[in-house]
Amino acid sequence: MVAKQHGKVVMAKVDIDDHTDLAIEYEVSAVPTVLAMKNGDVVDKFVGIKDEDQLEAFLKKLIG
């Protein structure tokens, strides 16, 4: 889904077992947790598995 955005969105995956400091800082209590960040700030997030339509709506909301 991210690849379909043609560079407007970048995805990074973090192993919270290796980076517990980030999990604590961003209050990640369940996996998967997806954080949308802009200029270092969390602008949106969701927890749990989403279907393709929900992911597309999430990304479109972010990029306008």
N, C-alpha and C. Protein backbone atom coordinates (compact mmCIF):
# COMPACT_ATOMS: atom_id res chain seq x y z
N MET A 1 0.83 -1.20 0.00
CA MET A 1 0.00 0.00 0.00
C MET A 1 0.87 1.26 0.00
N VAL A 2 1.96 1.25 0.75
CA VAL A 2 2.86 2.40 0.80
C VAL A 2 3.51 2.63 -0.56
N ALA A 3 3.89 1.55 -1.23
CA ALA A 3 4.53 1.67 -2.55
C ALA A 3 3.61 2.34 -3.57
N LYS A 4 2.32 2.15 -3.42
CA LYS A 4 1.35 2.76 -4.34
C LYS A 4 1.28 4.28 -4.19
N GLN A 5 1.88 4.83 -3.14
CA GLN A 5 1.82 6.27 -2.89
C GLN A 5 2.95 7.03 -3.59
N HIS A 6 3.78 6.32 -4.35
CA HIS A 6 4.82 6.92 -5.20
C HIS A 6 5.72 7.90 -4.45
N GLY A 7 6.23 7.47 -3.30
CA GLY A 7 7.19 8.28 -2.56
C GLY A 7 6.60 9.33 -1.64
N LYS A 8 5.29 9.45 -1.59
CA LYS A 8 4.67 10.44 -0.71
C LYS A 8 4.66 9.99 0.74
N VAL A 9 4.89 8.68 0.95
CA VAL A 9 4.89 8.09 2.29
C VAL A 9 6.12 7.20 2.41
N VAL A 10 6.79 7.24 3.55
CA VAL A 10 7.92 6.37 3.84
C VAL A 10 7.54 5.52 5.04
N MET A 11 7.84 4.22 4.94
CA MET A 11 7.52 3.33 6.04
C MET A 11 8.80 2.82 6.68
N ALA A 12 8.81 2.77 8.01
CA ALA A 12 9.93 2.19 8.76
C ALA A 12 9.35 1.20 9.77
N LYS A 13 9.98 0.05 9.86
CA LYS A 13 9.54 -0.97 10.80
C LYS A 13 10.55 -1.02 11.94
N VAL A 14 10.03 -1.03 13.17
CA VAL A 14 10.88 -1.03 14.36
C VAL A 14 10.57 -2.28 15.18
N ASP A 15 11.61 -3.02 15.54
CA ASP A 15 11.45 -4.17 16.42
C ASP A 15 11.43 -3.66 17.86
N ILE A 16 10.25 -3.68 18.46
CA ILE A 16 10.12 -3.08 19.80
C ILE A 16 10.81 -3.92 20.88
N ASP A 17 11.15 -5.17 20.58
CA ASP A 17 11.94 -5.96 21.52
C ASP A 17 13.37 -5.43 21.59
N ASP A 18 13.87 -4.96 20.45
CA ASP A 18 15.23 -4.40 20.40
C ASP A 18 15.26 -2.92 20.77
N HIS A 19 14.12 -2.24 20.65
CA HIS A 19 14.07 -0.79 20.90
C HIS A 19 12.93 -0.48 21.87
N THR A 20 13.04 -1.03 23.06
CA THR A 20 11.98 -0.81 24.05
C THR A 20 11.83 0.66 24.42
N ASP A 21 12.92 1.43 24.29
CA ASP A 21 12.84 2.86 24.58
C ASP A 21 11.84 3.55 23.67
N LEU A 22 11.82 3.18 22.40
CA LEU A 22 10.87 3.77 21.45
C LEU A 22 9.44 3.32 21.76
N ALA A 23 9.28 2.05 22.12
CA ALA A 23 7.95 1.54 22.47
C ALA A 23 7.38 2.31 23.66
N ILE A 24 8.22 2.58 24.62
CA ILE A 24 7.77 3.33 25.81
C ILE A 24 7.47 4.78 25.44
N GLU A 25 8.38 5.40 24.69
CA GLU A 25 8.21 6.81 24.32
C GLU A 25 6.92 7.04 23.53
N TYR A 26 6.60 6.11 22.62
CA TYR A 26 5.43 6.29 21.77
C TYR A 26 4.22 5.47 22.24
N GLU A 27 4.30 4.96 23.47
CA GLU A 27 3.19 4.27 24.11
C GLU A 27 2.64 3.11 23.28
N VAL A 28 3.55 2.30 22.76
CA VAL A 28 3.16 1.13 21.98
C VAL A 28 2.90 0.00 22.97
N SER A 29 1.65 -0.45 23.04
CA SER A 29 1.29 -1.50 23.98
C SER A 29 0.80 -2.76 23.27
N ALA A 30 0.61 -2.69 21.96
CA ALA A 30 0.14 -3.84 21.19
C ALA A 30 0.79 -3.80 19.81
N VAL A 31 0.84 -4.97 19.20
CA VAL A 31 1.43 -5.10 17.87
C VAL A 31 0.38 -5.68 16.95
N PRO A 32 0.18 -5.15 15.77
CA PRO A 32 0.90 -3.99 15.22
C PRO A 32 0.33 -2.65 15.69
N THR A 33 1.21 -1.70 15.85
CA THR A 33 0.85 -0.31 16.06
C THR A 33 1.49 0.49 14.94
N VAL A 34 0.71 1.28 14.25
CA VAL A 34 1.21 2.11 13.16
C VAL A 34 1.11 3.57 13.56
N LEU A 35 2.24 4.26 13.55
CA LEU A 35 2.29 5.68 13.87
C LEU A 35 2.55 6.46 12.59
N ALA A 36 1.78 7.48 12.36
CA ALA A 36 2.03 8.39 11.24
C ALA A 36 2.74 9.61 11.81
N MET A 37 3.92 9.88 11.28
CA MET A 37 4.72 10.99 11.82
C MET A 37 5.02 12.01 10.73
N LYS A 38 5.06 13.27 11.15
CA LYS A 38 5.43 14.34 10.25
C LYS A 38 6.30 15.31 11.04
N ASN A 39 7.48 15.58 10.51
CA ASN A 39 8.44 16.46 11.18
C ASN A 39 8.72 16.04 12.61
N GLY A 40 8.76 14.72 12.86
CA GLY A 40 9.08 14.20 14.17
C GLY A 40 7.92 14.10 15.14
N ASP A 41 6.75 14.52 14.74
CA ASP A 41 5.57 14.48 15.61
C ASP A 41 4.58 13.43 15.13
N VAL A 42 3.95 12.72 16.06
CA VAL A 42 2.91 11.76 15.71
C VAL A 42 1.65 12.55 15.34
N VAL A 43 1.16 12.32 14.11
CA VAL A 43 -0.04 13.03 13.66
C VAL A 43 -1.26 12.12 13.59
N ASP A 44 -1.03 10.81 13.64
CA ASP A 44 -2.14 9.85 13.63
C ASP A 44 -1.57 8.49 13.98
N LYS A 45 -2.44 7.56 14.36
CA LYS A 45 -1.99 6.20 14.64
C LYS A 45 -3.17 5.25 14.64
N PHE A 46 -2.86 3.96 14.47
CA PHE A 46 -3.86 2.93 14.68
C PHE A 46 -3.18 1.70 15.25
N VAL A 47 -3.99 0.89 15.92
CA VAL A 47 -3.51 -0.34 16.53
C VAL A 47 -4.35 -1.48 15.98
N GLY A 48 -3.68 -2.56 15.58
CA GLY A 48 -4.39 -3.73 15.08
C GLY A 48 -4.29 -3.84 13.57
N ILE A 49 -4.80 -4.93 13.08
CA ILE A 49 -4.74 -5.22 11.65
C ILE A 49 -5.89 -4.51 10.94
N LYS A 50 -5.56 -3.90 9.82
CA LYS A 50 -6.56 -3.21 9.00
C LYS A 50 -6.63 -3.87 7.63
N ASP A 51 -7.80 -3.80 7.01
CA ASP A 51 -7.90 -4.35 5.65
C ASP A 51 -7.38 -3.30 4.65
N GLU A 52 -7.30 -3.69 3.40
CA GLU A 52 -6.71 -2.83 2.37
C GLU A 52 -7.44 -1.50 2.24
N ASP A 53 -8.75 -1.52 2.29
CA ASP A 53 -9.53 -0.28 2.17
C ASP A 53 -9.25 0.66 3.34
N GLN A 54 -9.14 0.11 4.54
CA GLN A 54 -8.85 0.92 5.72
C GLN A 54 -7.45 1.52 5.65
N LEU A 55 -6.48 0.73 5.18
CA LEU A 55 -5.12 1.25 5.02
C LEU A 55 -5.07 2.36 3.98
N GLU A 56 -5.77 2.16 2.89
CA GLU A 56 -5.79 3.19 1.85
C GLU A 56 -6.42 4.48 2.38
N ALA A 57 -7.49 4.39 3.13
CA ALA A 57 -8.14 5.57 3.70
C ALA A 57 -7.21 6.27 4.69
N PHE A 58 -6.49 5.50 5.50
CA PHE A 58 -5.54 6.06 6.46
C PHE A 58 -4.45 6.86 5.73
N LEU A 59 -3.89 6.26 4.69
CA LEU A 59 -2.83 6.94 3.93
C LEU A 59 -3.35 8.17 3.19
N LYS A 60 -4.51 8.06 2.60
CA LYS A 60 -5.07 9.21 1.87
C LYS A 60 -5.36 10.39 2.81
N LYS A 61 -5.80 10.06 4.03
CA LYS A 61 -6.03 11.12 5.01
C LYS A 61 -4.73 11.84 5.35
N LEU A 62 -3.64 11.08 5.38
CA LEU A 62 -2.35 11.68 5.72
C LEU A 62 -1.79 12.57 4.63
N ILE A 63 -1.92 12.13 3.37
CA ILE A 63 -1.31 12.89 2.28
C ILE A 63 -2.28 13.84 1.59
N GLY A 64 -3.54 13.75 1.95
CA GLY A 64 -4.52 14.69 1.41
C GLY A 64 -5.04 14.37 0.06
